[in-house]
């Protein structure tokens, strides 16, 4: 009789950082399937000072972590093609997200937009709409999660779930080293 491996679930927080809107999404992943726990967007006003906006993002992410108790987080990395001012603002929001995770003991993992699209859609140049439709399908939802930043955050969480699953399969497929024991006169080549 074969032993059945115990399946364990993992709660993941995905974060799509931004100064105007930071998306978040929490999923539960177990036995190759993901289920939606919650999602939303933290919106700040351009009329407020930058440090106040970052403080709002930080506090709101701490609340999300405290409410949903994720074990791990996945955060979208900055991507090329955006202007310097935008990159700095997104980088600051990203830093605040990493800090919130660190303060609550939640290990953050980084993923590029290309990697996220490959994991969710299977194609690194997929459109935003294609990613959102796959998020809907993979989570078994009746409609695409809204707002867009929340759907993007869920895609980041799904990406990490797929990465964890792949790493687990690779680890299981690794050959185990042969352990040789023996006393005097034993050598790797045989008896002496």
Protein backbone atom coordinates (compact mmCIF):
# COMPACT_ATOMS: atom_id res chain seq x y z
CA UNK A 1 0.00 0.00 0.00
CA UNK A 2 1.40 3.41 -1.00
CA UNK A 3 1.54 6.18 1.54
CA UNK A 4 -0.56 9.19 0.65
CA UNK A 5 1.34 12.45 0.98
CA UNK A 6 -0.33 14.97 3.25
CA UNK A 7 -1.45 18.06 1.39
CA UNK A 8 -0.93 21.38 3.10
CA UNK A 9 -2.47 24.70 2.24
CA UNK A 10 -0.58 27.97 2.03
CA UNK A 11 -2.09 31.43 2.33
CA UNK A 12 -0.46 33.92 -0.05
CA UNK A 13 -0.59 37.70 -0.29
CA UNK A 14 0.02 39.22 -3.71
CA UNK A 15 0.90 42.91 -3.96
CA UNK A 16 0.86 45.18 -7.02
CA UNK A 17 2.64 48.28 -5.65
CA UNK A 18 1.87 51.82 -6.75
CA UNK A 19 1.72 55.24 -5.12
CA UNK A 20 -1.74 56.11 -6.48
CA UNK A 21 -3.12 52.59 -6.03
CA UNK A 22 -1.58 49.50 -4.46
CA UNK A 23 -3.47 46.34 -5.25
CA UNK A 24 -3.60 43.39 -2.89
CA UNK A 25 -5.00 39.89 -3.18
CA UNK A 26 -5.02 36.92 -0.83
CA UNK A 27 -5.42 33.34 -2.01
CA UNK A 28 -5.28 29.93 -0.36
CA UNK A 29 -3.33 27.37 -2.38
CA UNK A 30 -3.67 23.64 -1.77
CA UNK A 31 -3.13 20.55 -3.89
CA UNK A 32 -2.53 22.53 -7.08
CA UNK A 33 -5.64 24.66 -6.71
CA UNK A 34 -6.05 28.26 -5.60
CA UNK A 35 -9.05 29.84 -3.93
CA UNK A 36 -9.81 33.53 -3.44
CA UNK A 37 -9.77 34.78 0.15
CA UNK A 38 -9.93 38.54 -0.42
CA UNK A 39 -8.74 41.40 -2.60
CA UNK A 40 -8.78 45.17 -2.82
CA UNK A 41 -6.91 48.33 -3.64
CA UNK A 42 -5.34 50.96 -1.42
CA UNK A 43 -5.95 54.31 -3.13
CA UNK A 44 -4.15 57.51 -2.16
CA UNK A 45 -4.79 61.07 -3.30
CA UNK A 46 -2.31 63.05 -5.38
CA UNK A 47 -3.24 66.10 -3.31
CA UNK A 48 -1.53 64.57 -0.25
CA UNK A 49 2.20 64.69 0.50
CA UNK A 50 4.24 61.70 -0.63
CA UNK A 51 5.13 60.61 2.90
CA UNK A 52 1.45 60.63 3.89
CA UNK A 53 0.55 58.49 0.90
CA UNK A 54 3.28 55.99 1.78
CA UNK A 55 2.11 55.94 5.40
CA UNK A 56 -1.46 55.15 4.26
CA UNK A 57 -0.21 52.27 2.09
CA UNK A 58 1.89 50.93 4.96
CA UNK A 59 -0.96 51.05 7.51
CA UNK A 60 -3.47 49.52 5.10
CA UNK A 61 -1.13 46.63 4.21
CA UNK A 62 -0.55 45.94 7.89
CA UNK A 63 -4.34 45.74 8.32
CA UNK A 64 -4.63 43.33 5.36
CA UNK A 65 -1.89 41.12 6.83
CA UNK A 66 -3.45 41.22 10.29
CA UNK A 67 -6.88 40.32 8.91
CA UNK A 68 -5.88 37.54 6.49
CA UNK A 69 -2.73 36.09 8.10
CA UNK A 70 -0.77 35.21 4.95
CA UNK A 71 2.25 32.95 5.39
CA UNK A 72 4.12 34.37 2.41
CA UNK A 73 3.90 37.38 0.10
CA UNK A 74 4.69 37.97 -3.57
CA UNK A 75 5.37 41.48 -4.83
CA UNK A 76 5.60 42.66 -8.41
CA UNK A 77 9.00 44.10 -9.32
CA UNK A 78 9.50 47.38 -11.14
CA UNK A 79 9.60 47.09 -14.90
CA UNK A 80 11.35 49.11 -17.59
CA UNK A 81 9.61 51.57 -19.82
CA UNK A 82 8.32 53.92 -17.13
CA UNK A 83 9.66 57.39 -16.48
CA UNK A 84 12.09 58.08 -13.65
CA UNK A 85 9.60 59.98 -11.47
CA UNK A 86 7.06 57.13 -11.71
CA UNK A 87 9.77 54.53 -11.08
CA UNK A 88 10.87 56.32 -7.89
CA UNK A 89 7.30 56.59 -6.59
CA UNK A 90 6.53 52.94 -7.35
CA UNK A 91 9.86 51.94 -5.80
CA UNK A 92 8.93 53.77 -2.60
CA UNK A 93 5.51 52.08 -2.49
CA UNK A 94 7.24 48.75 -3.10
CA UNK A 95 9.62 49.44 -0.21
CA UNK A 96 6.70 50.20 2.09
CA UNK A 97 5.08 46.90 1.06
CA UNK A 98 8.28 44.97 1.82
CA UNK A 99 8.53 46.77 5.18
CA UNK A 100 4.92 45.88 6.10
CA UNK A 101 5.61 42.22 5.31
CA UNK A 102 8.85 42.26 7.30
CA UNK A 103 7.14 43.83 10.31
CA UNK A 104 4.63 40.99 10.38
CA UNK A 105 7.12 38.20 9.67
CA UNK A 106 5.76 37.48 6.19
CA UNK A 107 8.55 36.62 3.74
CA UNK A 108 8.22 38.61 0.49
CA UNK A 109 9.20 37.18 -2.91
CA UNK A 110 9.74 39.29 -6.03
CA UNK A 111 8.42 38.57 -9.53
CA UNK A 112 8.84 40.46 -12.77
CA UNK A 113 5.78 41.22 -14.91
CA UNK A 114 7.17 38.79 -17.55
CA UNK A 115 7.40 35.95 -15.03
CA UNK A 116 3.90 36.68 -13.70
CA UNK A 117 2.39 36.58 -17.19
CA UNK A 118 4.24 33.35 -18.01
CA UNK A 119 2.99 31.69 -14.82
CA UNK A 120 -0.62 32.84 -15.14
CA UNK A 121 -1.20 32.84 -18.91
CA UNK A 122 1.71 30.79 -20.22
CA UNK A 123 2.90 33.68 -22.40
CA UNK A 124 5.20 36.46 -21.21
CA UNK A 125 3.75 39.08 -23.51
CA UNK A 126 0.11 38.47 -22.60
CA UNK A 127 -2.17 41.48 -22.41
CA UNK A 128 -3.58 42.81 -19.14
CA UNK A 129 -7.00 41.53 -20.24
CA UNK A 130 -5.65 38.02 -20.86
CA UNK A 131 -4.03 37.95 -17.41
CA UNK A 132 -7.26 39.11 -15.77
CA UNK A 133 -9.33 36.49 -17.61
CA UNK A 134 -6.92 33.76 -16.47
CA UNK A 135 -7.07 35.02 -12.87
CA UNK A 136 -10.85 34.74 -13.12
CA UNK A 137 -10.61 31.20 -14.54
CA UNK A 138 -7.90 29.94 -12.17
CA UNK A 139 -9.79 31.16 -9.12
CA UNK A 140 -13.16 29.92 -10.41
CA UNK A 141 -14.76 33.38 -10.27
CA UNK A 142 -17.86 34.53 -12.13
CA UNK A 143 -16.23 37.83 -13.15
CA UNK A 144 -12.82 39.46 -13.32
CA UNK A 145 -11.77 40.83 -9.91
CA UNK A 146 -12.02 44.59 -9.65
CA UNK A 147 -10.30 47.02 -9.51
CA UNK A 148 -7.49 46.24 -11.98
CA UNK A 149 -4.75 46.60 -9.38
CA UNK A 150 -6.41 43.95 -7.22
CA UNK A 151 -6.64 41.56 -10.19
CA UNK A 152 -2.95 42.21 -10.88
CA UNK A 153 -2.10 41.46 -7.24
CA UNK A 154 -4.00 38.18 -7.44
CA UNK A 155 -1.95 37.30 -10.55
CA UNK A 156 1.24 37.90 -8.52
CA UNK A 157 -0.05 35.56 -5.77
CA UNK A 158 -0.97 32.89 -8.34
CA UNK A 159 2.51 33.23 -9.86
CA UNK A 160 4.10 32.49 -6.49
CA UNK A 161 1.75 29.55 -5.91
CA UNK A 162 2.82 28.06 -9.26
CA UNK A 163 6.47 28.73 -8.42
CA UNK A 164 6.14 26.96 -5.06
CA UNK A 165 4.42 24.01 -6.74
CA UNK A 166 7.14 23.76 -9.41
CA UNK A 167 9.90 23.95 -6.81
CA UNK A 168 8.19 21.24 -4.77
CA UNK A 169 7.94 18.96 -7.82
CA UNK A 170 11.57 19.58 -8.72
CA UNK A 171 12.71 18.80 -5.18
CA UNK A 172 10.68 15.57 -5.18
CA UNK A 173 12.23 14.53 -8.51
CA UNK A 174 15.82 14.99 -7.31
CA UNK A 175 17.62 11.68 -6.85
CA UNK A 176 18.52 10.98 -3.26
CA UNK A 177 22.20 10.46 -2.54
CA UNK A 178 23.24 6.90 -1.89
CA UNK A 179 24.30 6.50 1.68
CA UNK A 180 27.07 4.01 2.13
CA UNK A 181 27.97 2.65 5.46
CA UNK A 182 30.46 0.09 6.45
CA UNK A 183 33.23 -0.69 8.77
CA UNK A 184 36.87 -1.39 8.20
CA UNK A 185 37.59 -2.89 4.84
CA UNK A 186 34.58 -1.21 3.16
CA UNK A 187 35.22 1.03 0.21
CA UNK A 188 33.09 2.57 -2.50
CA UNK A 189 34.47 0.02 -4.93
CA UNK A 190 33.48 -2.95 -2.82
CA UNK A 191 35.08 -5.13 -0.20
CA UNK A 192 38.84 -5.06 0.17
